[in-house]
Amino acid sequence: MMLEIKNIKVQTKDAKKNIINNLSLSINPGEIHAIMGPNGVGKSTLSKVIMGSNKYKLLEGDILFQGKSITNLSVDERAKKGIFLAMQDPTVVEGVTNSEFIKTAIQETTGQRINYFDFIKELEECINKIEFKEDMLHRSLNQGFSGGEKKKNEILQLKMLKPKFIILDEIDSGLDVDSLKIVCDNINDYLNENKDTSVLIITHYPRILDYLKPDYVHIMKEGTIQKTGNISLAKLTEKIGYNSINEVSECNNDE
């Protein structure tokens, strides 16, 4: 098992609100899972809880990564184990260039100093594939970047850091059709080269699932997963809406 979430209950740090209630999810190596749902049901919260954000408190349950609990690990410790979160709204860090950030992140996650020549060569190959302007490597992390450029920058970091488990939190938000295809093509290339890598996609809309083919689609409402199926569940949800999807008894066909 790559990731196993066991019946977790999560509330905000100030204890004012329970956001996730009795949620369980199992993801095997090489699997792609998508979680869909309306605003405010806890989708992005789930991604942050997996990553170890200190804004939330785990009241019950456990999260296991490759068979071991990670609930007491910090964000950086989880990252070092191979968990990567492509954020919905990537952070701006002034004074730290993109290239320096990526180089430092690689050294921190691997515990080894990198060969600078090999690093630059691989970095240039990656920016060409995601159609990223080279001068952005020398600018402060995400500073002045458009929404699409920030998302491409997340994919650049992903390809350089080589994680085992990838969380895509609304990576499609703010991307035009061409940029979405570039982003997804690069993710698919990475997955083809790293067959055991697992992916959790958080999204409102199924258009990204036309590019990143999920093995399972989960509908999340009221802080928990209420229905699971395959890609046809996502397509049906787009047609009839989240409020009506629970009335559907089965959705496991491709038609």
Protein backbone atom coordinates (compact mmCIF):
# COMPACT_ATOMS: atom_id res chain seq x y z
CA MET A 1 0.00 0.00 0.00
CA MET A 2 1.35 3.43 -0.93
CA LEU A 3 -1.04 5.50 1.19
CA GLU A 4 -3.68 4.36 3.63
CA ILE A 5 -6.01 6.78 5.40
CA LYS A 6 -7.85 5.12 8.26
CA ASN A 7 -11.09 6.67 9.45
CA ILE A 8 -9.71 10.15 10.12
CA LYS A 9 -11.52 13.03 11.76
CA VAL A 10 -9.98 16.49 11.33
CA GLN A 11 -10.81 19.93 12.68
CA THR A 12 -9.26 23.36 12.36
CA LYS A 13 -6.48 24.17 14.82
CA ASP A 14 -8.70 26.61 16.69
CA ALA A 15 -11.17 23.73 17.24
CA LYS A 16 -14.05 25.74 15.81
CA LYS A 17 -15.04 23.35 13.04
CA ASN A 18 -14.78 19.69 12.05
CA ILE A 19 -13.87 19.54 8.36
CA ILE A 20 -13.22 15.84 7.72
CA ASN A 21 -15.34 13.13 9.32
CA ASN A 22 -14.67 9.38 9.25
CA LEU A 23 -12.80 9.41 5.93
CA SER A 24 -10.91 6.32 4.75
CA LEU A 25 -8.96 5.83 1.53
CA SER A 26 -6.44 3.27 0.26
CA ILE A 27 -4.09 3.95 -2.68
CA ASN A 28 -1.79 1.27 -4.10
CA PRO A 29 1.52 1.89 -5.90
CA GLY A 30 0.95 3.06 -9.47
CA GLU A 31 -2.69 4.00 -8.94
CA ILE A 32 -4.29 7.34 -9.81
CA HIS A 33 -7.20 8.44 -7.61
CA ALA A 34 -9.33 11.54 -8.12
CA ILE A 35 -11.41 13.25 -5.45
CA MET A 36 -14.18 15.53 -6.69
CA GLY A 37 -16.77 17.55 -4.83
CA PRO A 38 -18.29 21.01 -4.42
CA ASN A 39 -16.60 23.87 -2.58
CA GLY A 40 -16.11 23.56 1.15
CA VAL A 41 -16.37 19.78 1.56
CA GLY A 42 -12.78 19.27 2.71
CA LYS A 43 -10.95 18.27 -0.48
CA SER A 44 -8.05 20.71 -0.17
CA THR A 45 -8.01 20.21 3.58
CA LEU A 46 -7.41 16.50 2.98
CA SER A 47 -4.38 17.26 0.81
CA LYS A 48 -2.93 19.55 3.48
CA VAL A 49 -3.58 17.00 6.25
CA ILE A 50 -1.76 14.30 4.27
CA MET A 51 1.15 16.72 3.86
CA GLY A 52 1.17 17.58 7.57
CA SER A 53 -0.08 21.18 7.70
CA ASN A 54 -0.12 22.60 11.23
CA LYS A 55 -3.37 24.45 10.52
CA TYR A 56 -5.37 21.32 11.25
CA LYS A 57 -5.69 18.86 14.11
CA LEU A 58 -6.12 15.10 13.58
CA LEU A 59 -8.64 14.03 16.21
CA GLU A 60 -9.04 10.39 15.27
CA GLY A 61 -7.65 7.82 12.85
CA ASP A 62 -4.28 7.35 11.20
CA ILE A 63 -2.42 8.05 7.95
CA LEU A 64 0.09 5.43 6.79
CA PHE A 65 2.65 5.90 4.03
CA GLN A 66 4.21 2.70 2.72
CA GLY A 67 2.90 0.87 5.79
CA LYS A 68 4.15 3.29 8.46
CA SER A 69 2.23 6.00 10.31
CA ILE A 70 3.24 9.55 9.36
CA THR A 71 0.85 11.42 11.64
CA ASN A 72 3.66 12.56 13.95
CA LEU A 73 5.98 13.64 11.14
CA SER A 74 6.52 17.25 10.09
CA VAL A 75 5.95 18.55 6.56
CA ASP A 76 9.63 18.33 5.65
CA GLU A 77 9.91 14.80 7.05
CA ARG A 78 6.97 13.70 4.90
CA ALA A 79 8.52 15.36 1.87
CA LYS A 80 11.77 13.49 2.48
CA LYS A 81 9.81 10.23 2.41
CA GLY A 82 8.61 11.07 -1.10
CA ILE A 83 5.28 12.89 -0.68
CA PHE A 84 4.78 15.92 -2.92
CA LEU A 85 1.95 18.46 -2.86
CA ALA A 86 1.36 20.62 -5.92
CA MET A 87 -0.52 23.44 -4.24
CA GLN A 88 -3.67 25.19 -5.39
CA ASP A 89 -2.04 28.57 -4.75
CA PRO A 90 1.75 28.13 -4.67
CA THR A 91 3.66 30.26 -2.17
CA VAL A 92 5.71 33.28 -3.21
CA VAL A 93 9.18 33.40 -1.64
CA GLU A 94 11.08 36.63 -2.22
CA GLY A 95 14.86 36.52 -2.41
CA VAL A 96 15.13 32.81 -3.23
CA THR A 97 15.44 31.96 -6.91
CA ASN A 98 13.62 29.07 -8.50
CA SER A 99 16.80 27.21 -9.34
CA GLU A 100 18.27 27.68 -5.86
CA PHE A 101 15.02 26.53 -4.26
CA ILE A 102 14.91 23.35 -6.35
CA LYS A 103 18.61 22.61 -5.78
CA THR A 104 18.24 23.03 -2.01
CA ALA A 105 15.05 20.94 -1.95
CA ILE A 106 16.79 18.08 -3.78
CA GLN A 107 19.73 18.16 -1.36
CA GLU A 108 17.40 18.23 1.65
CA THR A 109 15.22 15.33 0.46
CA THR A 110 18.11 13.12 -0.67
CA GLY A 111 20.62 14.11 2.01
CA GLN A 112 23.31 14.34 -0.67
CA ARG A 113 25.08 17.16 -2.45
CA ILE A 114 24.19 17.28 -6.12
CA ASN A 115 26.44 17.52 -9.14
CA TYR A 116 25.84 21.06 -10.40
CA PHE A 117 26.50 20.22 -14.06
CA ASP A 118 24.03 17.31 -14.02
CA PHE A 119 21.52 19.46 -12.15
CA ILE A 120 21.62 22.27 -14.70
CA LYS A 121 21.38 19.82 -17.60
CA GLU A 122 18.31 18.10 -16.17
CA LEU A 123 16.74 21.42 -15.20
CA GLU A 124 17.10 22.77 -18.75
CA GLU A 125 15.56 19.61 -20.19
CA CYS A 126 12.59 19.94 -17.85
CA ILE A 127 11.93 23.62 -18.52
CA ASN A 128 11.96 22.95 -22.26
CA LYS A 129 9.38 20.19 -21.88
CA ILE A 130 7.02 22.33 -19.82
CA GLU A 131 7.62 25.34 -22.14
CA PHE A 132 8.90 27.46 -19.28
CA LYS A 133 10.93 30.62 -19.92
CA GLU A 134 14.52 30.11 -18.77
CA ASP A 135 14.73 33.52 -17.10
CA MET A 136 12.09 32.37 -14.60
CA LEU A 137 14.68 30.09 -13.04
CA HIS A 138 16.57 33.17 -11.89
CA ARG A 139 13.55 35.01 -10.49
CA SER A 140 12.29 34.74 -6.92
CA LEU A 141 10.10 31.70 -6.35
CA ASN A 142 6.70 32.36 -7.96
CA GLN A 143 7.09 36.14 -7.63
CA GLY A 144 5.21 37.89 -10.43
CA PHE A 145 4.21 34.58 -11.99
CA SER A 146 0.81 34.17 -13.60
CA GLY A 147 -1.48 31.43 -12.32
CA GLY A 148 -0.46 29.16 -15.18
CA GLU A 149 3.25 29.83 -14.64
CA LYS A 150 2.91 28.95 -10.96
CA LYS A 151 1.29 25.61 -11.88
CA LYS A 152 4.02 24.86 -14.43
CA ASN A 153 6.58 25.68 -11.75
CA GLU A 154 4.97 23.09 -9.46
CA ILE A 155 5.38 20.48 -12.21
CA LEU A 156 9.00 21.53 -12.71
CA GLN A 157 9.64 20.92 -9.00
CA LEU A 158 7.81 17.59 -9.20
CA LYS A 159 9.95 16.34 -12.06
CA MET A 160 13.18 17.41 -10.39
CA LEU A 161 12.33 16.09 -6.90
CA LYS A 162 11.02 12.71 -8.15
CA PRO A 163 8.41 11.94 -5.46
CA LYS A 164 6.75 8.58 -4.88
CA PHE A 165 3.32 10.00 -4.06
CA ILE A 166 1.94 13.10 -5.78
CA ILE A 167 -1.00 15.21 -4.59
CA LEU A 168 -2.39 17.58 -7.22
CA ASP A 169 -4.58 20.12 -5.45
CA GLU A 170 -6.65 21.75 -8.20
CA ILE A 171 -3.64 21.88 -10.51
CA ASP A 172 -6.08 22.60 -13.36
CA SER A 173 -7.36 25.80 -11.76
CA GLY A 174 -6.38 28.86 -13.77
CA LEU A 175 -4.90 26.89 -16.68
CA ASP A 176 -5.96 27.47 -20.26
CA VAL A 177 -6.48 24.48 -22.56
CA ASP A 178 -2.94 24.51 -23.96
CA SER A 179 -1.27 24.90 -20.56
CA LEU A 180 -3.41 22.13 -19.07
CA LYS A 181 -2.29 19.76 -21.84
CA ILE A 182 1.39 20.67 -21.30
CA VAL A 183 1.10 20.15 -17.54
CA CYS A 184 -0.70 16.82 -17.89
CA ASP A 185 1.62 15.56 -20.64
CA ASN A 186 4.60 16.19 -18.35
CA ILE A 187 2.91 14.43 -15.43
CA ASN A 188 2.10 11.45 -17.66
CA ASP A 189 5.71 11.35 -18.91
CA TYR A 190 6.89 11.25 -15.29
CA LEU A 191 4.45 8.47 -14.41
CA ASN A 192 5.48 6.43 -17.44
CA GLU A 193 9.10 6.62 -16.27
CA ASN A 194 8.18 5.94 -12.62
CA LYS A 195 5.55 3.21 -12.78
CA ASP A 196 5.09 2.77 -9.02
CA THR A 197 4.33 6.45 -8.39
CA SER A 198 0.81 7.07 -7.07
CA VAL A 199 -1.30 10.19 -7.62
CA LEU A 200 -4.17 11.83 -5.76
CA ILE A 201 -5.98 14.46 -7.85
CA ILE A 202 -8.17 17.04 -6.12
CA THR A 203 -10.48 18.78 -8.58
CA HIS A 204 -13.88 20.37 -9.14
CA TYR A 205 -14.14 19.52 -12.82
CA PRO A 206 -13.47 16.33 -14.79
CA ARG A 207 -11.61 17.94 -17.71
CA ILE A 208 -8.21 17.12 -16.17
CA LEU A 209 -9.28 13.48 -15.96
CA ASP A 210 -9.39 13.34 -19.76
CA TYR A 211 -5.59 13.67 -19.62
CA LEU A 212 -4.71 11.95 -16.33
CA LYS A 213 -6.75 8.75 -16.46
CA PRO A 214 -7.79 7.83 -12.89
CA ASP A 215 -8.24 4.27 -11.70
CA TYR A 216 -10.80 5.47 -9.16
CA VAL A 217 -12.98 8.55 -8.78
CA HIS A 218 -14.33 9.49 -5.36
CA ILE A 219 -17.10 11.98 -4.66
CA MET A 220 -16.59 13.87 -1.41
CA LYS A 221 -19.37 15.63 0.51
CA GLU A 222 -19.82 16.62 4.14
CA GLY A 223 -16.21 15.82 4.96
CA THR A 224 -16.14 12.23 3.78
CA ILE A 225 -16.16 10.06 0.65
CA GLN A 226 -19.75 9.25 -0.26
CA LYS A 227 -19.38 7.46 -3.59
CA THR A 228 -16.59 5.71 -5.52
CA GLY A 229 -16.46 4.60 -9.15
CA ASN A 230 -14.35 4.99 -12.27
CA ILE A 231 -14.07 7.79 -14.84
CA SER A 232 -17.74 7.40 -15.77
CA LEU A 233 -18.66 8.62 -12.29
CA ALA A 234 -16.86 11.90 -13.00
CA LYS A 235 -18.59 12.29 -16.36
CA LEU A 236 -21.99 11.55 -14.88
CA THR A 237 -21.39 14.02 -12.07
CA GLU A 238 -20.65 16.73 -14.61
CA LYS A 239 -24.00 16.02 -16.27
CA ILE A 240 -26.30 15.75 -13.25
CA GLY A 241 -24.41 17.61 -10.50
CA TYR A 242 -23.20 16.67 -7.03
CA ASN A 243 -26.61 16.95 -5.40
CA SER A 244 -28.06 14.23 -7.63
CA ILE A 245 -25.11 11.82 -7.78
CA ASN A 246 -25.98 9.99 -4.56
CA GLU A 247 -29.24 8.90 -6.15
CA VAL A 248 -27.27 6.84 -8.69
CA SER A 249 -26.86 3.26 -7.48
CA GLU A 250 -23.98 2.16 -9.70
CA CYS A 251 -21.50 3.90 -11.96
CA ASN A 252 -18.77 1.49 -12.97
CA ASN A 253 -19.10 1.39 -16.75
CA ASP A 254 -17.18 3.42 -19.26
CA GLU A 255 -20.30 4.52 -21.06
